Each structure stands twice: as structure tokens, then as C-alpha cells.
Amino acid sequence: MTQETKHVTLRWSGGLRFEGGEPGGPLTRIDGDNGEAPGPMLTLLLAAASCSASDVVVILKKMRVALTDVRLEVSGVRREAEPRRYVAIHLVYHLAGDGLDEARARRAISLSLEKYCSVMHSLAPDIAVTHDLELG
């Protein structure tokens, strides 16, 4: 099995603002002050949310669910002391669609968080990850 290596570049654009992404690809803005764009810690939550949401969409499609809405609310609790890393992350999945029931939704979320979401699996293993589900 071959390993995949990802590459990004990051360029400073003044203050604590940066733009970066895969060379030749679209750029993402990151602002350490959370003024003009999400900062690094918010970007980490967005990465975790979008990774898991992508998994859930793919898994539910395979379950023949026709999704009409997918929205995640994510909160992260950070340590008071440096490094101010996350110690807990909570995700609330808001899902709606034809053929969607609680069992399918919960199964898709569990598969994402426990098996497929590479961002979640890249985080420190002692971060408490919890989730809730709201069907619409």
C-alpha cells in the first residue's frame, strides 16, 4: 500500500493573515485574529466538520437517502494554558432527506467518526469527541 503525501503552501499577507492551499489550486484565507477570515483553530473545526459531513453525505447516498439538507454546528473547548489546544469537540448534525431515519443517520455519523474521517483521526487521541443528531 503506497502512502499519499499532501502538499500545501502558505503565504503571509500582513498582520496575522495568510493565504494557502495546494500549489496551483484554490486558496483559503486564514486570519490569526479571526477578523477577515477564520483563524487556525476555527479552521481546524471547519476541517473536522467538512470531513465528517462529506463522509455522511457519501454514506447516506450509498444507503439510498436523498439528502435535502446537511448542516453541522461544531464547538471546541480549549485549554486555558499554552498550548491552547482543543480538549473537547462537540458536533451537532442537522440532517434532512427522503428516506432518512434516525438509525441510518446515526450509522452514517458513527462510521464517519469511528472509521473514515481522516481529520478526526489526525487529532490527538485524548480529545473528547461527542455528537448529537437533529433530523429535520
C-alpha atoms as a PDB file:
ATOM      1  CA  MET A   1       0.000   0.000   0.000  1.00  0.00           C
ATOM      2  CA  THR A   2       1.537   3.313  -1.055  1.00  0.00           C
ATOM      3  CA  GLN A   3       1.363   6.374   1.124  1.00  0.00           C
ATOM      4  CA  GLU A   4      -0.076   9.623  -0.140  1.00  0.00           C
ATOM      5  CA  THR A   5       1.788  12.834   0.576  1.00  0.00           C
ATOM      6  CA  LYS A   6      -0.167  16.093   0.562  1.00  0.00           C
ATOM      7  CA  HIS A   7       1.485  19.477  -0.051  1.00  0.00           C
ATOM      8  CA  VAL A   8       0.308  22.994   0.673  1.00  0.00           C
ATOM      9  CA  THR A   9       1.912  26.391   0.520  1.00  0.00           C
ATOM     10  CA  LEU A  10       1.128  29.288   2.812  1.00  0.00           C
ATOM     11  CA  ARG A  11       1.863  32.942   2.104  1.00  0.00           C
ATOM     12  CA  TRP A  12       1.748  35.761   4.616  1.00  0.00           C
ATOM     13  CA  SER A  13      -0.386  38.726   3.557  1.00  0.00           C
ATOM     14  CA  GLY A  14       0.218  41.078   6.513  1.00  0.00           C
ATOM     15  CA  GLY A  15      -0.786  41.137  10.139  1.00  0.00           C
ATOM     16  CA  LEU A  16      -1.764  37.595  11.075  1.00  0.00           C
ATOM     17  CA  ARG A  17      -3.406  36.972   7.683  1.00  0.00           C
ATOM     18  CA  PHE A  18      -2.343  34.167   5.360  1.00  0.00           C
ATOM     19  CA  GLU A  19      -3.492  32.523   2.134  1.00  0.00           C
ATOM     20  CA  GLY A  20      -2.691  28.974   1.300  1.00  0.00           C
ATOM     21  CA  GLY A  21      -3.649  25.793  -0.406  1.00  0.00           C
ATOM     22  CA  GLU A  22      -2.434  23.101  -2.722  1.00  0.00           C
ATOM     23  CA  PRO A  23       0.051  24.501  -5.275  1.00  0.00           C
ATOM     24  CA  GLY A  24      -1.934  25.633  -8.314  1.00  0.00           C
ATOM     25  CA  GLY A  25      -5.259  25.063  -6.546  1.00  0.00           C
ATOM     26  CA  PRO A  26      -7.782  27.362  -4.908  1.00  0.00           C
ATOM     27  CA  LEU A  27      -6.628  29.404  -1.924  1.00  0.00           C
ATOM     28  CA  THR A  28      -8.037  29.510   1.575  1.00  0.00           C
ATOM     29  CA  ARG A  29      -7.699  32.594   3.749  1.00  0.00           C
ATOM     30  CA  ILE A  30      -6.770  32.201   7.416  1.00  0.00           C
ATOM     31  CA  ASP A  31      -6.623  35.111   9.851  1.00  0.00           C
ATOM     32  CA  GLY A  32      -4.969  34.593  13.238  1.00  0.00           C
ATOM     33  CA  ASP A  33      -7.106  37.438  14.597  1.00  0.00           C
ATOM     34  CA  ASN A  34     -10.369  35.901  13.237  1.00  0.00           C
ATOM     35  CA  GLY A  35     -11.094  39.292  11.633  1.00  0.00           C
ATOM     36  CA  GLU A  36     -11.122  38.828   7.865  1.00  0.00           C
ATOM     37  CA  ALA A  37     -11.291  35.024   7.838  1.00  0.00           C
ATOM     38  CA  PRO A  38     -11.443  32.146  10.310  1.00  0.00           C
ATOM     39  CA  GLY A  39      -8.279  31.687  12.347  1.00  0.00           C
ATOM     40  CA  PRO A  40      -6.291  28.458  12.578  1.00  0.00           C
ATOM     41  CA  MET A  41      -8.307  26.972  15.441  1.00  0.00           C
ATOM     42  CA  LEU A  42     -11.640  27.729  13.766  1.00  0.00           C
ATOM     43  CA  THR A  43     -10.224  26.357  10.507  1.00  0.00           C
ATOM     44  CA  LEU A  44      -9.416  23.123  12.334  1.00  0.00           C
ATOM     45  CA  LEU A  45     -13.049  22.841  13.458  1.00  0.00           C
ATOM     46  CA  LEU A  46     -14.194  23.564   9.897  1.00  0.00           C
ATOM     47  CA  ALA A  47     -11.848  20.870   8.573  1.00  0.00           C
ATOM     48  CA  ALA A  48     -13.225  18.324  11.032  1.00  0.00           C
ATOM     49  CA  ALA A  49     -16.820  19.319  10.241  1.00  0.00           C
ATOM     50  CA  SER A  50     -16.392  19.230   6.463  1.00  0.00           C
ATOM     51  CA  CYS A  51     -14.516  15.920   6.599  1.00  0.00           C
ATOM     52  CA  SER A  52     -17.235  14.238   8.641  1.00  0.00           C
ATOM     53  CA  ALA A  53     -20.049  15.885   6.667  1.00  0.00           C
ATOM     54  CA  SER A  54     -18.512  14.636   3.410  1.00  0.00           C
ATOM     55  CA  ASP A  55     -18.393  11.106   4.811  1.00  0.00           C
ATOM     56  CA  VAL A  56     -22.003  11.309   5.977  1.00  0.00           C
ATOM     57  CA  VAL A  57     -23.168  12.526   2.549  1.00  0.00           C
ATOM     58  CA  VAL A  58     -21.369   9.679   0.764  1.00  0.00           C
ATOM     59  CA  ILE A  59     -22.529   7.025   3.236  1.00  0.00           C
ATOM     60  CA  LEU A  60     -26.164   8.142   3.177  1.00  0.00           C
ATOM     61  CA  LYS A  61     -26.120   8.273  -0.626  1.00  0.00           C
ATOM     62  CA  LYS A  62     -24.997   4.625  -0.602  1.00  0.00           C
ATOM     63  CA  MET A  63     -27.946   3.947   1.738  1.00  0.00           C
ATOM     64  CA  ARG A  64     -30.183   5.471  -0.946  1.00  0.00           C
ATOM     65  CA  VAL A  65     -31.066   8.525   1.123  1.00  0.00           C
ATOM     66  CA  ALA A  66     -31.825  11.641  -0.942  1.00  0.00           C
ATOM     67  CA  LEU A  67     -30.448  14.369   1.305  1.00  0.00           C
ATOM     68  CA  THR A  68     -32.074  17.787   1.213  1.00  0.00           C
ATOM     69  CA  ASP A  69     -30.084  19.471   3.990  1.00  0.00           C
ATOM     70  CA  VAL A  70     -26.809  18.878   5.810  1.00  0.00           C
ATOM     71  CA  ARG A  71     -25.615  21.353   8.417  1.00  0.00           C
ATOM     72  CA  LEU A  72     -23.156  20.926  11.256  1.00  0.00           C
ATOM     73  CA  GLU A  73     -22.626  23.074  14.312  1.00  0.00           C
ATOM     74  CA  VAL A  74     -19.273  22.414  15.923  1.00  0.00           C
ATOM     75  CA  SER A  75     -17.857  23.696  19.194  1.00  0.00           C
ATOM     76  CA  GLY A  76     -14.406  23.152  20.598  1.00  0.00           C
ATOM     77  CA  VAL A  77     -13.264  23.597  24.187  1.00  0.00           C
ATOM     78  CA  ARG A  78      -9.682  24.799  24.514  1.00  0.00           C
ATOM     79  CA  ARG A  79      -7.240  24.569  27.395  1.00  0.00           C
ATOM     80  CA  GLU A  80      -6.598  27.708  29.421  1.00  0.00           C
ATOM     81  CA  ALA A  81      -2.813  27.150  29.431  1.00  0.00           C
ATOM     82  CA  GLU A  82      -0.458  27.076  26.462  1.00  0.00           C
ATOM     83  CA  PRO A  83      -0.623  25.289  24.168  1.00  0.00           C
ATOM     84  CA  ARG A  84      -4.297  26.233  23.997  1.00  0.00           C
ATOM     85  CA  ARG A  85      -5.260  23.090  22.104  1.00  0.00           C
ATOM     86  CA  TYR A  86      -8.696  21.531  21.949  1.00  0.00           C
ATOM     87  CA  VAL A  87      -9.564  19.138  24.751  1.00  0.00           C
ATOM     88  CA  ALA A  88     -13.146  18.516  23.594  1.00  0.00           C
ATOM     89  CA  ILE A  89     -15.065  18.829  20.323  1.00  0.00           C
ATOM     90  CA  HIS A  90     -18.842  18.553  20.021  1.00  0.00           C
ATOM     91  CA  LEU A  91     -20.632  18.189  16.692  1.00  0.00           C
ATOM     92  CA  VAL A  92     -24.358  18.625  16.116  1.00  0.00           C
ATOM     93  CA  TYR A  93     -25.503  17.120  12.817  1.00  0.00           C
ATOM     94  CA  HIS A  94     -28.669  18.629  11.315  1.00  0.00           C
ATOM     95  CA  LEU A  95     -29.814  16.276   8.557  1.00  0.00           C
ATOM     96  CA  ALA A  96     -32.898  16.068   6.381  1.00  0.00           C
ATOM     97  CA  GLY A  97     -33.787  13.970   3.378  1.00  0.00           C
ATOM     98  CA  ASP A  98     -36.114  11.493   1.732  1.00  0.00           C
ATOM     99  CA  GLY A  99     -35.594   8.017   3.150  1.00  0.00           C
ATOM    100  CA  LEU A 100     -33.648   9.344   6.133  1.00  0.00           C
ATOM    101  CA  ASP A 101     -34.405   7.888   9.537  1.00  0.00           C
ATOM    102  CA  GLU A 102     -32.584   8.086  12.853  1.00  0.00           C
ATOM    103  CA  ALA A 103     -30.948   4.654  12.513  1.00  0.00           C
ATOM    104  CA  ARG A 104     -29.431   5.451   9.107  1.00  0.00           C
ATOM    105  CA  ALA A 105     -28.288   8.886  10.214  1.00  0.00           C
ATOM    106  CA  ARG A 106     -26.666   7.562  13.384  1.00  0.00           C
ATOM    107  CA  ARG A 107     -24.976   4.745  11.462  1.00  0.00           C
ATOM    108  CA  ALA A 108     -23.527   7.192   8.917  1.00  0.00           C
ATOM    109  CA  ILE A 109     -22.262   9.513  11.665  1.00  0.00           C
ATOM    110  CA  SER A 110     -20.712   6.625  13.612  1.00  0.00           C
ATOM    111  CA  LEU A 111     -18.956   5.282  10.521  1.00  0.00           C
ATOM    112  CA  SER A 112     -17.570   8.732   9.791  1.00  0.00           C
ATOM    113  CA  LEU A 113     -16.289   9.430  13.285  1.00  0.00           C
ATOM    114  CA  GLU A 114     -15.048   5.940  14.117  1.00  0.00           C
ATOM    115  CA  LYS A 115     -13.691   4.772  10.769  1.00  0.00           C
ATOM    116  CA  TYR A 116     -13.494   7.220   7.876  1.00  0.00           C
ATOM    117  CA  CYS A 117     -12.918  10.860   8.907  1.00  0.00           C
ATOM    118  CA  SER A 118      -9.195  11.327   8.415  1.00  0.00           C
ATOM    119  CA  VAL A 119      -9.219  14.774  10.045  1.00  0.00           C
ATOM    120  CA  MET A 120     -10.722  13.409  13.258  1.00  0.00           C
ATOM    121  CA  HIS A 121      -8.231  10.556  13.249  1.00  0.00           C
ATOM    122  CA  SER A 122      -5.391  13.073  12.832  1.00  0.00           C
ATOM    123  CA  LEU A 123      -6.285  14.828  16.091  1.00  0.00           C
ATOM    124  CA  ALA A 124      -4.789  13.948  19.481  1.00  0.00           C
ATOM    125  CA  PRO A 125      -6.460  10.780  20.778  1.00  0.00           C
ATOM    126  CA  ASP A 126      -7.282  12.333  24.162  1.00  0.00           C
ATOM    127  CA  ILE A 127      -9.657  14.930  22.675  1.00  0.00           C
ATOM    128  CA  ALA A 128     -13.186  14.072  23.816  1.00  0.00           C
ATOM    129  CA  VAL A 129     -15.343  13.962  20.677  1.00  0.00           C
ATOM    130  CA  THR A 130     -19.112  13.923  21.196  1.00  0.00           C
ATOM    131  CA  HIS A 131     -22.032  14.434  18.871  1.00  0.00           C
ATOM    132  CA  ASP A 132     -25.780  14.923  18.654  1.00  0.00           C
ATOM    133  CA  LEU A 133     -28.259  14.467  15.837  1.00  0.00           C
ATOM    134  CA  GLU A 134     -31.249  16.566  14.852  1.00  0.00           C
ATOM    135  CA  LEU A 135     -33.411  15.342  11.999  1.00  0.00           C
ATOM    136  CA  GLY A 136     -35.352  17.924  10.034  1.00  0.00           C
END
